[in-house]
C-alpha atoms as a PDB file:
ATOM      1  CA  MET A   1      -9.167 -24.095  12.905  1.00  0.00           C
ATOM      2  CA  ARG A   2      -5.243 -24.760  13.233  1.00  0.00           C
ATOM      3  CA  ILE A   3      -2.818 -21.926  13.899  1.00  0.00           C
ATOM      4  CA  LEU A   4       1.036 -21.755  13.954  1.00  0.00           C
ATOM      5  CA  VAL A   5       2.401 -19.287  16.364  1.00  0.00           C
ATOM      6  CA  VAL A   6       6.122 -18.499  15.653  1.00  0.00           C
ATOM      7  CA  GLU A   7       7.368 -16.291  18.600  1.00  0.00           C
ATOM      8  CA  ASP A   8      10.724 -16.595  20.529  1.00  0.00           C
ATOM      9  CA  THR A   9       9.804 -14.622  23.490  1.00  0.00           C
ATOM     10  CA  ALA A  10       8.294 -17.051  25.962  1.00  0.00           C
ATOM     11  CA  ASP A  11       5.668 -14.959  27.897  1.00  0.00           C
ATOM     12  CA  ILE A  12       4.298 -13.405  24.489  1.00  0.00           C
ATOM     13  CA  GLY A  13       4.176 -16.867  22.899  1.00  0.00           C
ATOM     14  CA  GLU A  14       2.446 -18.352  25.957  1.00  0.00           C
ATOM     15  CA  ALA A  15      -0.222 -15.756  26.226  1.00  0.00           C
ATOM     16  CA  ILE A  16      -0.881 -15.764  22.382  1.00  0.00           C
ATOM     17  CA  VAL A  17      -1.271 -19.580  22.488  1.00  0.00           C
ATOM     18  CA  ALA A  18      -3.561 -19.265  25.603  1.00  0.00           C
ATOM     19  CA  ARG A  19      -5.678 -16.594  23.730  1.00  0.00           C
ATOM     20  CA  LEU A  20      -6.032 -18.594  20.588  1.00  0.00           C
ATOM     21  CA  GLU A  21      -6.740 -21.835  22.269  1.00  0.00           C
ATOM     22  CA  ARG A  22      -9.484 -20.070  24.426  1.00  0.00           C
ATOM     23  CA  MET A  23     -11.026 -18.874  20.964  1.00  0.00           C
ATOM     24  CA  GLY A  24     -11.351 -22.763  20.071  1.00  0.00           C
ATOM     25  CA  HIS A  25      -8.248 -23.325  17.816  1.00  0.00           C
ATOM     26  CA  ALA A  26      -5.634 -25.928  17.760  1.00  0.00           C
ATOM     27  CA  VAL A  27      -2.384 -24.045  18.112  1.00  0.00           C
ATOM     28  CA  ASP A  28       1.255 -25.025  17.393  1.00  0.00           C
ATOM     29  CA  TRP A  29       4.118 -22.799  18.825  1.00  0.00           C
ATOM     30  CA  GLU A  30       7.598 -22.833  17.551  1.00  0.00           C
ATOM     31  CA  ARG A  31      10.344 -20.495  18.732  1.00  0.00           C
ATOM     32  CA  ASP A  32      12.690 -20.389  15.975  1.00  0.00           C
ATOM     33  CA  GLY A  33      12.477 -19.844  12.216  1.00  0.00           C
ATOM     34  CA  ASP A  34      14.023 -23.191  11.052  1.00  0.00           C
ATOM     35  CA  ALA A  35      11.601 -25.161  13.192  1.00  0.00           C
ATOM     36  CA  ALA A  36       8.727 -23.143  11.880  1.00  0.00           C
ATOM     37  CA  ALA A  37       9.749 -23.809   8.378  1.00  0.00           C
ATOM     38  CA  ASP A  38       9.930 -27.435   9.077  1.00  0.00           C
ATOM     39  CA  MET A  39       6.424 -27.267  10.602  1.00  0.00           C
ATOM     40  CA  LEU A  40       5.105 -25.465   7.459  1.00  0.00           C
ATOM     41  CA  GLY A  41       6.507 -28.086   5.236  1.00  0.00           C
ATOM     42  CA  VAL A  42       4.300 -30.850   6.695  1.00  0.00           C
ATOM     43  CA  GLN A  43       1.293 -29.200   8.058  1.00  0.00           C
ATOM     44  CA  ASP A  44      -1.384 -26.829   6.273  1.00  0.00           C
ATOM     45  CA  TYR A  45      -2.526 -23.855   8.696  1.00  0.00           C
ATOM     46  CA  ASP A  46      -5.340 -21.668   8.647  1.00  0.00           C
ATOM     47  CA  LEU A  47      -3.338 -18.839  10.084  1.00  0.00           C
ATOM     48  CA  LEU A  48       0.271 -17.916  10.747  1.00  0.00           C
ATOM     49  CA  VAL A  49       1.217 -15.453  13.494  1.00  0.00           C
ATOM     50  CA  LEU A  50       4.776 -14.666  12.826  1.00  0.00           C
ATOM     51  CA  ASP A  51       7.373 -12.776  14.698  1.00  0.00           C
ATOM     52  CA  ILE A  52       9.990 -11.055  12.458  1.00  0.00           C
ATOM     53  CA  MET A  53      13.034 -11.158  14.837  1.00  0.00           C
ATOM     54  CA  LEU A  54      13.795 -15.021  15.333  1.00  0.00           C
ATOM     55  CA  PRO A  55      16.424 -17.344  15.922  1.00  0.00           C
ATOM     56  CA  GLY A  56      17.610 -19.176  12.815  1.00  0.00           C
ATOM     57  CA  ARG A  57      15.955 -17.801   9.856  1.00  0.00           C
ATOM     58  CA  ASP A  58      13.900 -14.649  10.450  1.00  0.00           C
ATOM     59  CA  GLY A  59      10.305 -13.993   9.766  1.00  0.00           C
ATOM     60  CA  ILE A  60      10.864 -12.257   6.629  1.00  0.00           C
ATOM     61  CA  ALA A  61      12.645 -15.260   5.306  1.00  0.00           C
ATOM     62  CA  LEU A  62      10.003 -17.370   6.287  1.00  0.00           C
ATOM     63  CA  LEU A  63       7.283 -15.223   4.612  1.00  0.00           C
ATOM     64  CA  LYS A  64       9.181 -15.057   1.513  1.00  0.00           C
ATOM     65  CA  GLU A  65       9.360 -18.878   1.292  1.00  0.00           C
ATOM     66  CA  LEU A  66       5.899 -19.245   2.123  1.00  0.00           C
ATOM     67  CA  ARG A  67       4.670 -17.108  -0.633  1.00  0.00           C
ATOM     68  CA  ALA A  68       7.347 -18.446  -3.176  1.00  0.00           C
ATOM     69  CA  ARG A  69       5.590 -21.857  -2.698  1.00  0.00           C
ATOM     70  CA  ARG A  70       2.404 -20.146  -3.584  1.00  0.00           C
ATOM     71  CA  ARG A  71       0.719 -20.753  -0.292  1.00  0.00           C
ATOM     72  CA  SER A  72      -2.139 -18.474   0.490  1.00  0.00           C
ATOM     73  CA  THR A  73      -2.009 -19.043   4.248  1.00  0.00           C
ATOM     74  CA  PRO A  74      -3.037 -15.571   6.083  1.00  0.00           C
ATOM     75  CA  VAL A  75      -0.091 -14.284   7.903  1.00  0.00           C
ATOM     76  CA  LEU A  76      -0.323 -11.778  10.972  1.00  0.00           C
ATOM     77  CA  VAL A  77       3.046 -10.231  11.484  1.00  0.00           C
ATOM     78  CA  LEU A  78       4.257  -9.043  14.969  1.00  0.00           C
ATOM     79  CA  THR A  79       7.138  -7.034  15.449  1.00  0.00           C
ATOM     80  CA  ALA A  80       8.691  -4.340  17.656  1.00  0.00           C
ATOM     81  CA  ARG A  81       9.461  -2.209  14.314  1.00  0.00           C
ATOM     82  CA  SER A  82       6.959   0.587  13.978  1.00  0.00           C
ATOM     83  CA  GLY A  83       8.257   2.307  11.110  1.00  0.00           C
ATOM     84  CA  VAL A  84       5.980   2.891   7.926  1.00  0.00           C
ATOM     85  CA  GLU A  85       8.699   1.317   5.711  1.00  0.00           C
ATOM     86  CA  ASP A  86       9.002  -1.833   7.903  1.00  0.00           C
ATOM     87  CA  ARG A  87       5.172  -2.437   7.730  1.00  0.00           C
ATOM     88  CA  VAL A  88       4.977  -1.539   3.975  1.00  0.00           C
ATOM     89  CA  GLY A  89       7.795  -4.003   3.332  1.00  0.00           C
ATOM     90  CA  ALA A  90       6.129  -6.823   5.166  1.00  0.00           C
ATOM     91  CA  LEU A  91       2.791  -6.180   3.550  1.00  0.00           C
ATOM     92  CA  ASP A  92       4.310  -6.046   0.116  1.00  0.00           C
ATOM     93  CA  LEU A  93       6.036  -9.373   0.871  1.00  0.00           C
ATOM     94  CA  GLY A  94       2.700 -10.998   1.428  1.00  0.00           C
ATOM     95  CA  ALA A  95       1.641 -10.369   5.003  1.00  0.00           C
ATOM     96  CA  ASP A  96      -2.013  -9.873   5.631  1.00  0.00           C
ATOM     97  CA  ASP A  97      -1.829  -7.825   8.752  1.00  0.00           C
ATOM     98  CA  TYR A  98       0.800  -6.320  10.869  1.00  0.00           C
ATOM     99  CA  LEU A  99       0.695  -5.700  14.715  1.00  0.00           C
ATOM    100  CA  VAL A 100       3.519  -3.681  16.586  1.00  0.00           C
ATOM    101  CA  LYS A 101       4.599  -4.749  19.983  1.00  0.00           C
ATOM    102  CA  PRO A 102       3.508  -4.148  22.591  1.00  0.00           C
ATOM    103  CA  PHE A 103      -0.114  -4.672  21.572  1.00  0.00           C
ATOM    104  CA  ASP A 104      -3.278  -5.365  23.441  1.00  0.00           C
ATOM    105  CA  TYR A 105      -4.081  -9.081  23.028  1.00  0.00           C
ATOM    106  CA  ARG A 106      -7.679  -8.381  22.471  1.00  0.00           C
ATOM    107  CA  GLU A 107      -6.568  -6.546  19.202  1.00  0.00           C
ATOM    108  CA  LEU A 108      -4.615  -9.797  18.255  1.00  0.00           C
ATOM    109  CA  GLU A 109      -7.894 -11.696  18.814  1.00  0.00           C
ATOM    110  CA  ALA A 110      -9.897  -9.492  16.682  1.00  0.00           C
ATOM    111  CA  ARG A 111      -7.258  -9.582  13.868  1.00  0.00           C
ATOM    112  CA  ALA A 112      -7.001 -13.089  13.911  1.00  0.00           C
ATOM    113  CA  ARG A 113     -10.924 -13.588  13.730  1.00  0.00           C
ATOM    114  CA  ALA A 114     -11.023 -11.182  10.794  1.00  0.00           C
ATOM    115  CA  LEU A 115      -8.275 -13.173   8.796  1.00  0.00           C
ATOM    116  CA  LEU A 116      -9.875 -16.431   9.691  1.00  0.00           C
ATOM    117  CA  ARG A 117     -13.188 -15.104   8.371  1.00  0.00           C
ATOM    118  CA  ARG A 118     -11.729 -13.893   5.201  1.00  0.00           C
ATOM    119  CA  ARG A 119     -10.176 -17.410   4.764  1.00  0.00           C
ATOM    120  CA  THR A 120     -13.628 -19.079   4.949  1.00  0.00           C
ATOM    121  CA  GLY A 121     -15.303 -16.355   2.937  1.00  0.00           C
ATOM    122  CA  ASP A 122     -17.530 -15.089   5.879  1.00  0.00           C
ATOM    123  CA  SER A 123     -18.001 -11.382   6.607  1.00  0.00           C
ATOM    124  CA  SER A 124     -19.641 -11.580  10.026  1.00  0.00           C
ATOM    125  CA  ASN A 125     -18.882 -13.129  13.311  1.00  0.00           C
ATOM    126  CA  VAL A 126     -22.207 -14.525  13.689  1.00  0.00           C
ATOM    127  CA  LEU A 127     -22.994 -17.761  11.861  1.00  0.00           C
ATOM    128  CA  THR A 128     -26.582 -19.028  11.399  1.00  0.00           C
ATOM    129  CA  CYS A 129     -27.707 -22.609  10.431  1.00  0.00           C
ATOM    130  CA  GLY A 130     -31.486 -23.025  10.647  1.00  0.00           C
ATOM    131  CA  ASP A 131     -32.527 -21.999  14.012  1.00  0.00           C
ATOM    132  CA  VAL A 132     -28.807 -22.395  15.440  1.00  0.00           C
ATOM    133  CA  THR A 133     -26.585 -19.311  15.810  1.00  0.00           C
ATOM    134  CA  ILE A 134     -22.805 -19.263  16.574  1.00  0.00           C
ATOM    135  CA  ASP A 135     -21.333 -16.073  17.904  1.00  0.00           C
ATOM    136  CA  ARG A 136     -17.635 -16.591  17.057  1.00  0.00           C
ATOM    137  CA  ALA A 137     -16.324 -13.509  18.892  1.00  0.00           C
ATOM    138  CA  ALA A 138     -18.274 -14.270  22.019  1.00  0.00           C
ATOM    139  CA  ARG A 139     -17.633 -18.130  21.678  1.00  0.00           C
ATOM    140  CA  LEU A 140     -21.434 -18.747  22.244  1.00  0.00           C
ATOM    141  CA  ALA A 141     -24.146 -20.885  20.602  1.00  0.00           C
ATOM    142  CA  ALA A 142     -27.821 -20.678  20.787  1.00  0.00           C
ATOM    143  CA  VAL A 143     -30.838 -22.468  19.509  1.00  0.00           C
ATOM    144  CA  GLN A 144     -33.746 -20.018  18.936  1.00  0.00           C
ATOM    145  CA  GLY A 145     -32.008 -17.560  21.213  1.00  0.00           C
ATOM    146  CA  ARG A 146     -31.521 -20.246  24.064  1.00  0.00           C
ATOM    147  CA  PRO A 147     -27.869 -20.432  24.886  1.00  0.00           C
ATOM    148  CA  LEU A 148     -26.281 -23.851  24.524  1.00  0.00           C
ATOM    149  CA  ASP A 149     -23.968 -25.254  27.278  1.00  0.00           C
ATOM    150  CA  LEU A 150     -21.139 -26.262  25.060  1.00  0.00           C
ATOM    151  CA  THR A 151     -17.446 -26.918  25.926  1.00  0.00           C
ATOM    152  CA  ARG A 152     -14.793 -25.130  24.094  1.00  0.00           C
ATOM    153  CA  ARG A 153     -14.082 -28.219  21.823  1.00  0.00           C
ATOM    154  CA  GLU A 154     -17.723 -29.137  21.339  1.00  0.00           C
ATOM    155  CA  LEU A 155     -18.376 -25.477  20.140  1.00  0.00           C
ATOM    156  CA  THR A 156     -15.377 -25.609  17.863  1.00  0.00           C
ATOM    157  CA  VAL A 157     -16.732 -29.038  16.363  1.00  0.00           C
ATOM    158  CA  LEU A 158     -20.163 -27.534  15.815  1.00  0.00           C
ATOM    159  CA  GLU A 159     -18.616 -24.290  14.144  1.00  0.00           C
ATOM    160  CA  ILE A 160     -16.475 -26.407  11.765  1.00  0.00           C
ATOM    161  CA  LEU A 161     -19.457 -28.316  10.724  1.00  0.00           C
ATOM    162  CA  ALA A 162     -21.532 -25.337  10.562  1.00  0.00           C
ATOM    163  CA  THR A 163     -19.353 -23.543   8.194  1.00  0.00           C
ATOM    164  CA  ARG A 164     -19.643 -26.377   5.782  1.00  0.00           C
ATOM    165  CA  PRO A 165     -23.329 -27.232   5.701  1.00  0.00           C
ATOM    166  CA  GLY A 166     -24.154 -30.280   3.719  1.00  0.00           C
ATOM    167  CA  ARG A 167     -20.686 -31.198   3.180  1.00  0.00           C
ATOM    168  CA  ILE A 168     -18.833 -34.277   4.641  1.00  0.00           C
ATOM    169  CA  VAL A 169     -16.192 -33.350   7.052  1.00  0.00           C
ATOM    170  CA  SER A 170     -13.857 -36.383   7.920  1.00  0.00           C
ATOM    171  CA  LYS A 171     -12.797 -37.521  11.594  1.00  0.00           C
ATOM    172  CA  ASP A 172      -9.296 -36.825  10.779  1.00  0.00           C
ATOM    173  CA  ASP A 173      -9.951 -33.280   9.479  1.00  0.00           C
ATOM    174  CA  LEU A 174     -11.899 -32.535  12.858  1.00  0.00           C
ATOM    175  CA  LEU A 175      -9.004 -33.903  14.870  1.00  0.00           C
ATOM    176  CA  ASP A 176      -6.486 -31.825  13.089  1.00  0.00           C
ATOM    177  CA  GLN A 177      -8.484 -28.483  13.752  1.00  0.00           C
ATOM    178  CA  ILE A 178      -9.083 -29.112  17.479  1.00  0.00           C
ATOM    179  CA  TYR A 179      -5.696 -30.775  18.732  1.00  0.00           C
ATOM    180  CA  SER A 180      -2.253 -29.355  18.268  1.00  0.00           C
ATOM    181  CA  PHE A 181       0.793 -31.701  17.732  1.00  0.00           C
ATOM    182  CA  ASP A 182       1.586 -32.116  21.430  1.00  0.00           C
ATOM    183  CA  GLN A 183      -1.999 -33.111  22.501  1.00  0.00           C
ATOM    184  CA  GLU A 184      -3.072 -36.742  22.303  1.00  0.00           C
ATOM    185  CA  PRO A 185      -6.747 -37.196  21.905  1.00  0.00           C
ATOM    186  CA  SER A 186      -8.443 -40.550  22.632  1.00  0.00           C
ATOM    187  CA  PRO A 187      -9.437 -42.663  19.836  1.00  0.00           C
ATOM    188  CA  ASN A 188     -13.078 -41.913  20.083  1.00  0.00           C
ATOM    189  CA  ALA A 189     -12.754 -38.308  20.993  1.00  0.00           C
ATOM    190  CA  VAL A 190     -14.706 -36.751  17.988  1.00  0.00           C
ATOM    191  CA  GLU A 191     -17.576 -39.469  18.476  1.00  0.00           C
ATOM    192  CA  GLN A 192     -17.925 -38.422  21.971  1.00  0.00           C
ATOM    193  CA  TYR A 193     -18.070 -34.745  21.087  1.00  0.00           C
ATOM    194  CA  VAL A 194     -20.503 -35.245  18.297  1.00  0.00           C
ATOM    195  CA  THR A 195     -22.795 -37.430  20.662  1.00  0.00           C
ATOM    196  CA  ARG A 196     -22.956 -34.621  23.191  1.00  0.00           C
ATOM    197  CA  ILE A 197     -23.454 -31.871  20.598  1.00  0.00           C
ATOM    198  CA  ARG A 198     -26.473 -34.019  19.175  1.00  0.00           C
ATOM    199  CA  ARG A 199     -27.900 -34.235  22.702  1.00  0.00           C
ATOM    200  CA  LYS A 200     -27.753 -30.503  23.214  1.00  0.00           C
ATOM    201  CA  LEU A 201     -29.096 -29.766  19.752  1.00  0.00           C
ATOM    202  CA  ALA A 202     -32.258 -31.904  20.369  1.00  0.00           C
ATOM    203  CA  GLY A 203     -35.293 -30.125  19.105  1.00  0.00           C
ATOM    204  CA  SER A 204     -33.406 -27.872  16.602  1.00  0.00           C
ATOM    205  CA  SER A 205     -33.747 -27.662  13.012  1.00  0.00           C
ATOM    206  CA  VAL A 206     -29.977 -28.837  12.772  1.00  0.00           C
ATOM    207  CA  GLU A 207     -28.937 -32.473  12.557  1.00  0.00           C
ATOM    208  CA  ILE A 208     -25.403 -33.996  12.494  1.00  0.00           C
ATOM    209  CA  ARG A 209     -25.308 -37.254  10.510  1.00  0.00           C
ATOM    210  CA  THR A 210     -22.562 -39.766  10.716  1.00  0.00           C
ATOM    211  CA  LEU A 211     -21.549 -41.304   7.152  1.00  0.00           C
ATOM    212  CA  ARG A 212     -19.582 -44.387   8.323  1.00  0.00           C
ATOM    213  CA  GLY A 213     -16.277 -44.392   7.107  1.00  0.00           C
ATOM    214  CA  LEU A 214     -16.534 -40.923   5.725  1.00  0.00           C
ATOM    215  CA  GLY A 215     -17.218 -38.484   8.460  1.00  0.00           C
ATOM    216  CA  TYR A 216     -19.820 -36.218   9.663  1.00  0.00           C
ATOM    217  CA  GLN A 217     -22.439 -33.765   7.767  1.00  0.00           C
ATOM    218  CA  LEU A 218     -24.435 -31.115   9.368  1.00  0.00           C
ATOM    219  CA  VAL A 219     -27.803 -30.698   7.637  1.00  0.00           C
ATOM    220  CA  VAL A 220     -30.755 -28.268   8.153  1.00  0.00           C
ATOM    221  CA  GLY A 221     -34.088 -29.886   8.242  1.00  0.00           C
END
């Protein structure tokens, strides 16, 4: 999944980005509202983590603009304002959830997972495809209960394909969800990940097929 974090406080922004990347997501980080508006104009995101008090246009203005364009991107608002009226106001403008600073980063992770599950239509943290299970909260995958030794990005590629069984996922779509704008993947990065995942899935009921010129497809045998 691809996430935009808009937070002007350096230590908070760095901590959020580190947590979300550890969860396997591609994360872009902007520190002011005007730059964030530019990013939202050129890139679709699966989640927006949005501070209210920002240089340039503030978080409320960004939220209004996003919903005025009828974009359904889930929005998790971060703010030091703890009043009921502030929370109600943000939710009424289209925020999906609200966290008051200071917060426990474990709670942010849990709320992000919930919003991303809602976006993909899943109600559980555990994803099952054939004899393969993926625990998205624990960031673990297993075949018939046997843990798989996957890197963070290998697990993310497998998770993306497993959420769309039978559907073709393009190479560009995979790259978009595992690398942020400031990261430069090698030209054959996806091929390398898929090759390693196939090797580790050997003997399972799950197969990842390559459709030349189209992308990849996960099928359950």
